[in-house]
Amino acid sequence: MAVTKPVIQSLEMHPRAFVTTSELSEYWLVSRKQIYKQIQAGTLKAIRLGPRLMRVSTAEALAFERLAKMQPERDSVASPETKASDPRRRAR
């Protein structure tokens, strides 16, 4: 029985105080590497919980989203089938 991880539908309505870099990268349709670059540049604040474990405050992610004037595409977040057919996503 496979456990599916929850997908962020909206940062404003997100119930948890912190999100993972993977969750943000899926929500914003960018690579995790881009999230880490923003953290390293200081434009996106994160906390380190261990040598390989980082979390971003949901409030910080919202502030970054507003500052960067980002609008996530609701269609591609809603269904996994759309994600797979999105030409911006490349196979890994």
Protein backbone atom coordinates (compact mmCIF):
# COMPACT_ATOMS: atom_id res chain seq x y z
CA MET A 1 0.00 0.00 0.00
CA ALA A 2 1.71 3.15 -1.25
CA VAL A 3 1.55 6.29 0.82
CA THR A 4 0.97 9.42 -1.22
CA LYS A 5 2.31 12.69 0.06
CA PRO A 6 -0.09 15.62 0.24
CA VAL A 7 0.16 18.22 -2.51
CA ILE A 8 -0.06 21.89 -1.61
CA GLN A 9 -3.24 23.29 -3.12
CA SER A 10 -2.73 26.84 -1.80
CA LEU A 11 -0.11 28.31 0.50
CA GLU A 12 -2.75 30.62 2.01
CA MET A 13 -4.86 27.62 3.03
CA HIS A 14 -1.96 25.32 3.94
CA PRO A 15 -2.55 23.92 7.44
CA ARG A 16 1.09 23.43 8.44
CA ALA A 17 3.48 26.18 9.56
CA PHE A 18 6.38 24.80 7.51
CA VAL A 19 6.74 23.23 4.06
CA THR A 20 9.52 21.13 2.57
CA THR A 21 11.67 22.21 -0.35
CA SER A 22 10.17 19.36 -2.38
CA GLU A 23 6.63 20.54 -1.70
CA LEU A 24 7.54 24.08 -2.73
CA SER A 25 9.28 22.96 -5.90
CA GLU A 26 6.21 20.97 -6.95
CA TYR A 27 3.88 23.84 -6.07
CA TRP A 28 5.95 26.48 -7.91
CA LEU A 29 6.89 24.13 -10.81
CA VAL A 30 10.61 24.67 -10.36
CA SER A 31 13.42 22.32 -9.42
CA ARG A 32 14.51 21.78 -5.83
CA LYS A 33 17.87 23.19 -6.91
CA GLN A 34 16.17 26.53 -7.66
CA ILE A 35 14.61 26.55 -4.20
CA TYR A 36 18.03 25.91 -2.65
CA LYS A 37 19.56 28.70 -4.76
CA GLN A 38 16.97 31.16 -3.43
CA ILE A 39 17.67 30.00 0.12
CA GLN A 40 21.43 30.36 -0.38
CA ALA A 41 20.98 33.82 -1.92
CA GLY A 42 18.96 34.88 1.13
CA THR A 43 15.81 35.72 -0.82
CA LEU A 44 13.92 32.77 0.70
CA LYS A 45 14.42 32.14 4.40
CA ALA A 46 14.61 28.56 5.66
CA ILE A 47 15.58 26.69 8.78
CA ARG A 48 17.97 23.76 8.85
CA LEU A 49 16.81 20.87 11.02
CA GLY A 50 19.72 18.60 10.21
CA PRO A 51 22.51 18.13 7.69
CA ARG A 52 20.04 17.27 4.91
CA LEU A 53 16.76 18.56 6.27
CA MET A 54 15.41 22.07 5.57
CA ARG A 55 11.99 23.61 6.04
CA VAL A 56 10.57 26.89 4.80
CA SER A 57 8.00 28.76 6.85
CA THR A 58 4.68 28.91 5.03
CA ALA A 59 4.52 32.64 5.84
CA GLU A 60 8.01 33.15 4.32
CA ALA A 61 7.00 31.21 1.20
CA LEU A 62 3.91 33.41 0.84
CA ALA A 63 5.99 36.56 1.27
CA PHE A 64 8.48 35.34 -1.35
CA GLU A 65 5.63 34.47 -3.71
CA ARG A 66 4.16 37.95 -3.39
CA LEU A 67 7.57 39.64 -3.73
CA ALA A 68 8.39 37.65 -6.86
CA LYS A 69 4.82 38.14 -8.18
CA MET A 70 4.51 34.39 -8.69
CA GLN A 71 1.18 32.85 -9.61
CA PRO A 72 1.23 29.05 -9.49
CA GLU A 73 -0.81 27.36 -12.19
CA ARG A 74 -3.79 25.82 -10.46
CA ASP A 75 -4.49 23.34 -13.29
CA SER A 76 -1.11 21.63 -13.16
CA VAL A 77 -1.13 21.42 -9.37
CA ALA A 78 -4.56 19.82 -9.31
CA SER A 79 -3.94 16.65 -11.31
CA PRO A 80 -0.90 14.38 -11.62
CA GLU A 81 -1.82 13.55 -15.23
CA THR A 82 -1.47 17.19 -16.22
CA LYS A 83 1.91 17.36 -14.48
CA ALA A 84 3.27 14.44 -16.48
CA SER A 85 2.20 15.99 -19.78
CA ASP A 86 3.51 19.46 -18.92
CA PRO A 87 6.24 20.27 -21.50
CA ARG A 88 8.13 22.37 -18.95
CA ARG A 89 8.73 19.29 -16.84
CA ARG A 90 11.52 17.10 -18.09
CA ALA A 91 12.10 13.46 -17.33
CA ARG A 92 14.65 12.74 -14.62
